[in-house]
């Protein structure tokens, strides 16, 4: 009976951002990282370098993180239209980024503990061999960063990017790998030519501190999204000002939260003596590009009483 009217009000709830290019590059980086991981762990154990061994372990956790990244891409794509997900699978990539951030924190802790152990219990280091493997690791890191950098930059070309926290996490893991490789090379060269053998585990501690900071930053970015944190106060204030500047509208309640990498949903309760068609309020907020799903509750005031009618804006 109301088929035509329903169709005009219904719309997709798929707020995912599928990055096929990023997924393909992540697979390539996964292979490079896995091979280098095996080489560095074996070399670090054989040649006695804590910095090199820490770099290898670090790469091992990144292999796990890249697997999480790829799984998040596949899961997002497979379940994008699944009605069991109220607002689609847009937060899966954010969850992948959060999981990778936790992995970074574990890496930092392991590096810190083992570095302190090596300071207290020094071991002989075969510098020439260890330096060669560390340089190889750095080259692989640079190649991996370049593979992910292209897509990473592409996502930031405009002021409203489809920010992919999953890919950002993979990129940060590669940067962390590069950092530990550089620190390992510095420590090994200083140990070989200056006799500063203790610098090797000290660099492990430095790397742990820096990686902890990156992990904390990524957790700060992803956790509010997973917990339905609200949009920035100034953006919400602008929404309120736009609606209240028309007629005698007053906002009784407003909730704005992220449902995908670059999409927000809003539920707004409005009070007015002169209720309009839902399209009118939709047009008032038309230039708020971040709002992809808006639900309006319009309360009509007549004298001392208000009649509430819930209406949805598609």
Protein backbone atom coordinates (compact mmCIF):
# COMPACT_ATOMS: atom_id res chain seq x y z
CA UNK A 1 0.00 0.00 0.00
CA UNK A 2 2.80 2.42 0.91
CA UNK A 3 5.52 0.86 -1.26
CA UNK A 4 6.47 4.04 -3.12
CA UNK A 5 6.61 6.13 0.08
CA UNK A 6 8.70 3.50 1.88
CA UNK A 7 11.20 3.29 -0.98
CA UNK A 8 11.82 7.04 -0.86
CA UNK A 9 12.53 6.85 2.87
CA UNK A 10 14.73 3.74 2.83
CA UNK A 11 18.45 3.74 2.08
CA UNK A 12 21.58 1.67 2.51
CA UNK A 13 23.23 1.39 5.92
CA UNK A 14 26.56 0.33 4.44
CA UNK A 15 29.11 2.86 5.71
CA UNK A 16 32.18 0.77 4.96
CA UNK A 17 35.19 2.04 3.05
CA UNK A 18 36.60 -0.83 1.01
CA UNK A 19 40.28 -0.27 0.17
CA UNK A 20 41.15 -3.00 -2.33
CA UNK A 21 44.41 -1.26 -3.22
CA UNK A 22 45.39 -1.07 0.45
CA UNK A 23 44.49 -4.72 1.00
CA UNK A 24 46.64 -5.84 -1.94
CA UNK A 25 49.62 -3.79 -0.76
CA UNK A 26 49.19 -5.13 2.79
CA UNK A 27 49.42 -8.70 1.47
CA UNK A 28 52.68 -7.84 -0.29
CA UNK A 29 54.09 -6.26 2.87
CA UNK A 30 53.00 -9.32 4.88
CA UNK A 31 55.14 -11.63 2.74
CA UNK A 32 58.18 -9.33 2.90
CA UNK A 33 57.84 -8.91 6.67
CA UNK A 34 57.40 -12.64 7.35
CA UNK A 35 60.56 -13.56 5.43
CA UNK A 36 62.60 -10.82 7.10
CA UNK A 37 61.26 -11.81 10.52
CA UNK A 38 62.60 -15.34 10.18
CA UNK A 39 66.01 -14.10 8.99
CA UNK A 40 66.38 -11.51 11.79
CA UNK A 41 65.31 -13.80 14.64
CA UNK A 42 67.68 -16.51 13.45
CA UNK A 43 70.51 -14.01 12.94
CA UNK A 44 69.90 -12.21 16.23
CA UNK A 45 69.99 -15.49 18.13
CA UNK A 46 73.07 -16.71 16.29
CA UNK A 47 75.08 -13.48 16.40
CA UNK A 48 74.04 -12.38 19.91
CA UNK A 49 72.51 -9.00 19.02
CA UNK A 50 69.61 -7.90 21.22
CA UNK A 51 68.80 -4.99 18.92
CA UNK A 52 68.61 -7.35 15.94
CA UNK A 53 66.66 -9.97 17.87
CA UNK A 54 64.22 -7.33 19.12
CA UNK A 55 63.72 -6.17 15.54
CA UNK A 56 62.93 -9.74 14.51
CA UNK A 57 60.44 -10.25 17.33
CA UNK A 58 58.96 -6.90 16.50
CA UNK A 59 58.44 -8.02 12.91
CA UNK A 60 56.83 -11.21 14.18
CA UNK A 61 54.08 -9.28 15.96
CA UNK A 62 53.66 -7.15 12.84
CA UNK A 63 53.04 -10.30 10.81
CA UNK A 64 50.17 -11.02 13.20
CA UNK A 65 48.99 -7.41 12.89
CA UNK A 66 49.01 -7.58 9.08
CA UNK A 67 46.98 -10.80 9.26
CA UNK A 68 44.47 -8.89 11.42
CA UNK A 69 44.42 -6.11 8.82
CA UNK A 70 43.72 -8.51 5.95
CA UNK A 71 41.06 -10.35 7.99
CA UNK A 72 39.34 -7.01 8.75
CA UNK A 73 39.24 -6.12 5.04
CA UNK A 74 37.77 -9.50 4.10
CA UNK A 75 35.24 -9.53 6.95
CA UNK A 76 34.12 -5.99 6.12
CA UNK A 77 33.56 -6.83 2.48
CA UNK A 78 31.81 -10.16 3.18
CA UNK A 79 29.34 -8.76 5.72
CA UNK A 80 28.83 -5.26 4.31
CA UNK A 81 25.12 -5.95 3.55
CA UNK A 82 24.45 -8.21 6.54
CA UNK A 83 21.29 -6.93 8.32
CA UNK A 84 22.63 -8.23 11.65
CA UNK A 85 24.97 -5.20 11.68
CA UNK A 86 22.73 -2.20 12.39
CA UNK A 87 24.98 0.33 10.67
CA UNK A 88 27.00 -2.07 8.55
CA UNK A 89 30.59 -3.15 9.13
CA UNK A 90 32.20 0.29 8.95
CA UNK A 91 33.83 -0.11 12.37
CA UNK A 92 35.59 -3.38 11.56
CA UNK A 93 38.61 -1.55 10.15
CA UNK A 94 38.69 0.58 13.31
CA UNK A 95 38.61 -2.59 15.44
CA UNK A 96 41.50 -3.97 13.38
CA UNK A 97 43.46 -0.79 14.05
CA UNK A 98 42.76 -1.06 17.79
CA UNK A 99 43.88 -4.71 17.86
CA UNK A 100 47.09 -3.78 16.06
CA UNK A 101 47.71 -0.99 18.56
CA UNK A 102 47.47 -3.54 21.38
CA UNK A 103 49.96 -5.72 19.48
CA UNK A 104 52.34 -2.74 19.30
CA UNK A 105 52.07 -2.32 23.06
CA UNK A 106 52.94 -6.00 23.59
CA UNK A 107 55.96 -5.60 21.30
CA UNK A 108 57.19 -2.65 23.33
CA UNK A 109 56.83 -4.56 26.60
CA UNK A 110 58.73 -7.62 25.31
CA UNK A 111 61.51 -5.37 23.93
CA UNK A 112 61.80 -3.53 27.24
CA UNK A 113 62.00 -6.68 29.37
CA UNK A 114 64.54 -8.41 27.14
CA UNK A 115 66.67 -5.26 26.78
CA UNK A 116 66.90 -4.85 30.56
CA UNK A 117 67.84 -8.53 30.82
CA UNK A 118 70.65 -8.03 28.28
CA UNK A 119 71.96 -5.01 30.20
CA UNK A 120 72.18 -7.10 33.37
CA UNK A 121 73.52 -10.16 31.55
CA UNK A 122 75.61 -9.06 28.52
CA UNK A 123 76.21 -11.51 25.69
CA UNK A 124 78.90 -11.53 22.97
CA UNK A 125 77.86 -9.98 19.64
CA UNK A 126 79.06 -10.85 16.12
CA UNK A 127 78.91 -7.30 14.80
CA UNK A 128 79.69 -7.73 11.08
CA UNK A 129 77.06 -10.38 10.49
CA UNK A 130 74.48 -8.63 12.66
CA UNK A 131 75.00 -5.28 10.87
CA UNK A 132 74.46 -6.94 7.48
CA UNK A 133 71.18 -8.49 8.54
CA UNK A 134 70.01 -5.24 10.18
CA UNK A 135 70.68 -3.31 6.95
CA UNK A 136 68.69 -5.93 5.02
CA UNK A 137 65.82 -5.48 7.47
CA UNK A 138 65.87 -1.71 7.00
CA UNK A 139 65.76 -2.08 3.20
CA UNK A 140 62.71 -4.34 3.50
CA UNK A 141 61.10 -1.80 5.85
CA UNK A 142 61.65 1.02 3.35
CA UNK A 143 60.15 -1.03 0.52
CA UNK A 144 57.17 -1.94 2.70
CA UNK A 145 56.63 1.70 3.72
CA UNK A 146 56.67 2.79 0.08
CA UNK A 147 54.09 0.12 -0.78
CA UNK A 148 51.72 1.42 1.90
CA UNK A 149 52.63 5.12 1.62
CA UNK A 150 50.97 5.60 -1.78
CA UNK A 151 47.56 4.55 -0.53
CA UNK A 152 48.07 6.18 2.87
CA UNK A 153 48.54 9.58 1.22
CA UNK A 154 45.69 9.00 -1.23
CA UNK A 155 43.25 8.77 1.65
CA UNK A 156 44.17 12.31 2.79
CA UNK A 157 43.76 14.24 -0.47
CA UNK A 158 40.71 16.19 0.68
CA UNK A 159 39.50 17.76 3.90
CA UNK A 160 37.09 14.89 4.52
CA UNK A 161 39.14 11.72 3.98
CA UNK A 162 37.86 8.15 4.23
CA UNK A 163 40.28 7.49 7.04
CA UNK A 164 41.25 3.82 7.18
CA UNK A 165 42.49 3.07 10.71
CA UNK A 166 43.19 -0.50 9.67
CA UNK A 167 45.64 0.65 6.99
CA UNK A 168 47.03 3.35 9.26
CA UNK A 169 47.83 0.67 11.83
CA UNK A 170 49.65 -1.41 9.20
CA UNK A 171 51.60 1.66 8.12
CA UNK A 172 52.57 2.47 11.70
CA UNK A 173 53.77 -1.09 12.19
CA UNK A 174 56.06 -0.68 9.18
CA UNK A 175 57.38 2.62 10.56
CA UNK A 176 58.00 0.94 13.92
CA UNK A 177 59.93 -1.81 12.11
CA UNK A 178 62.02 0.79 10.31
CA UNK A 179 62.77 2.55 13.60
CA UNK A 180 63.97 -0.62 15.32
CA UNK A 181 66.13 -1.45 12.29
CA UNK A 182 67.77 2.00 12.39
CA UNK A 183 68.34 1.74 16.15
CA UNK A 184 69.83 -1.73 15.71
CA UNK A 185 72.25 -0.49 13.02
CA UNK A 186 73.33 2.49 15.16
CA UNK A 187 73.87 0.29 18.21
CA UNK A 188 75.82 -2.35 16.28
CA UNK A 189 78.08 0.17 14.52
CA UNK A 190 78.79 1.96 17.81
CA UNK A 191 79.54 -1.36 19.46
CA UNK A 192 81.89 -2.48 16.68
CA UNK A 193 83.90 0.72 16.26
CA UNK A 194 83.58 2.42 19.66
CA UNK A 195 83.26 -0.57 21.93
CA UNK A 196 79.89 0.60 23.27
CA UNK A 197 78.42 -2.87 23.64
CA UNK A 198 75.81 -1.74 26.14
CA UNK A 199 74.31 0.56 23.52
CA UNK A 200 72.76 -2.47 21.83
CA UNK A 201 70.23 -3.23 24.63
CA UNK A 202 69.86 0.50 25.40
CA UNK A 203 68.61 1.04 21.84
CA UNK A 204 66.10 -1.74 22.49
CA UNK A 205 64.73 0.33 25.40
CA UNK A 206 64.59 3.48 23.28
CA UNK A 207 62.67 1.60 20.59
CA UNK A 208 60.24 0.25 23.20
CA UNK A 209 59.47 3.76 24.47
CA UNK A 210 58.85 5.17 20.97
CA UNK A 211 56.68 2.22 19.93
CA UNK A 212 54.66 2.57 23.16
CA UNK A 213 53.94 6.15 22.20
CA UNK A 214 52.72 5.13 18.73
CA UNK A 215 50.54 2.43 20.29
CA UNK A 216 49.01 4.92 22.72
CA UNK A 217 48.27 7.38 19.91
CA UNK A 218 46.50 4.75 17.80
CA UNK A 219 44.47 3.55 20.80
CA UNK A 220 43.44 7.16 21.46
CA UNK A 221 42.19 7.48 17.88
CA UNK A 222 40.29 4.20 17.66
CA UNK A 223 38.81 3.61 21.13
CA UNK A 224 36.40 6.62 21.09
CA UNK A 225 34.99 5.39 17.77
CA UNK A 226 34.46 1.87 19.11
CA UNK A 227 32.79 3.36 22.21
CA UNK A 228 30.48 5.59 20.11
CA UNK A 229 32.21 8.79 21.14
CA UNK A 230 30.50 11.95 19.94
CA UNK A 231 31.65 14.17 17.09
CA UNK A 232 33.76 17.28 17.82
CA UNK A 233 31.95 19.85 19.96
CA UNK A 234 32.30 22.65 17.40
CA UNK A 235 30.75 20.49 14.65
CA UNK A 236 27.84 19.55 16.91
CA UNK A 237 27.40 23.18 17.92
CA UNK A 238 27.24 24.14 14.22
CA UNK A 239 24.47 21.57 13.67
CA UNK A 240 22.54 22.99 16.61
CA UNK A 241 23.01 26.56 15.40
CA UNK A 242 21.84 25.72 11.87
CA UNK A 243 18.59 24.13 13.04
CA UNK A 244 17.81 26.69 15.72
CA UNK A 245 18.42 29.63 13.37
CA UNK A 246 15.37 28.58 11.33
CA UNK A 247 11.84 29.40 12.57
CA UNK A 248 11.51 28.91 16.33
CA UNK A 249 13.26 25.53 16.40
CA UNK A 250 14.94 24.46 19.64
CA UNK A 251 17.09 21.36 20.11
CA UNK A 252 15.97 19.29 23.10
CA UNK A 253 18.44 16.45 22.59
CA UNK A 254 21.18 15.59 20.10
CA UNK A 255 23.44 12.56 19.61
CA UNK A 256 26.06 12.32 16.86
CA UNK A 257 28.40 9.32 16.61
CA UNK A 258 30.59 7.60 14.04
CA UNK A 259 29.24 4.51 12.24
CA UNK A 260 32.12 4.10 9.77
CA UNK A 261 35.58 5.44 8.92
CA UNK A 262 34.11 8.71 7.61
CA UNK A 263 30.36 8.51 8.30
CA UNK A 264 28.33 9.78 11.25
CA UNK A 265 24.78 9.10 12.39
CA UNK A 266 22.66 11.64 14.25
CA UNK A 267 19.52 11.48 16.38
CA UNK A 268 18.06 14.92 17.02
CA UNK A 269 15.01 15.84 19.11
CA UNK A 270 13.57 19.19 18.02
CA UNK A 271 10.76 21.35 19.46
CA UNK A 272 8.84 23.86 17.32
CA UNK A 273 5.42 25.52 16.92
CA UNK A 274 5.70 25.17 13.15
CA UNK A 275 6.69 21.60 12.18
CA UNK A 276 7.77 21.09 8.59
CA UNK A 277 8.13 18.18 6.23
CA UNK A 278 11.20 16.01 7.06
CA UNK A 279 12.81 17.10 3.77
CA UNK A 280 12.91 20.65 5.12
CA UNK A 281 15.14 19.69 8.06
CA UNK A 282 17.22 17.45 5.82
CA UNK A 283 17.90 20.40 3.54
CA UNK A 284 18.95 22.57 6.48
CA UNK A 285 21.72 20.06 7.23
CA UNK A 286 22.57 19.27 3.59
CA UNK A 287 26.07 20.78 3.71
CA UNK A 288 27.06 18.79 6.83
CA UNK A 289 28.76 16.13 4.72
CA UNK A 290 29.81 13.99 7.67
CA UNK A 291 26.19 13.20 8.53
CA UNK A 292 25.24 10.11 6.55
CA UNK A 293 22.22 8.99 8.59
CA UNK A 294 19.88 11.43 10.38
CA UNK A 295 16.85 10.65 12.54
CA UNK A 296 14.67 13.59 13.63
CA UNK A 297 12.16 13.59 16.46
CA UNK A 298 9.90 16.59 15.91
CA UNK A 299 7.85 17.81 18.89
CA UNK A 300 5.06 20.21 17.97
CA UNK A 301 4.20 22.75 20.66
CA UNK A 302 0.62 23.99 20.96
CA UNK A 303 0.16 26.21 23.98
CA UNK A 304 1.31 24.38 27.09
CA UNK A 305 1.40 20.93 25.50
CA UNK A 306 3.58 19.32 22.87
CA UNK A 307 2.64 16.53 20.53
CA UNK A 308 5.64 14.34 19.65
CA UNK A 309 5.93 12.68 16.30
CA UNK A 310 8.96 10.65 15.32
CA UNK A 311 10.05 11.12 11.75
CA UNK A 312 13.09 9.74 9.91
CA UNK A 313 15.21 11.56 7.40
CA UNK A 314 16.72 9.13 4.85
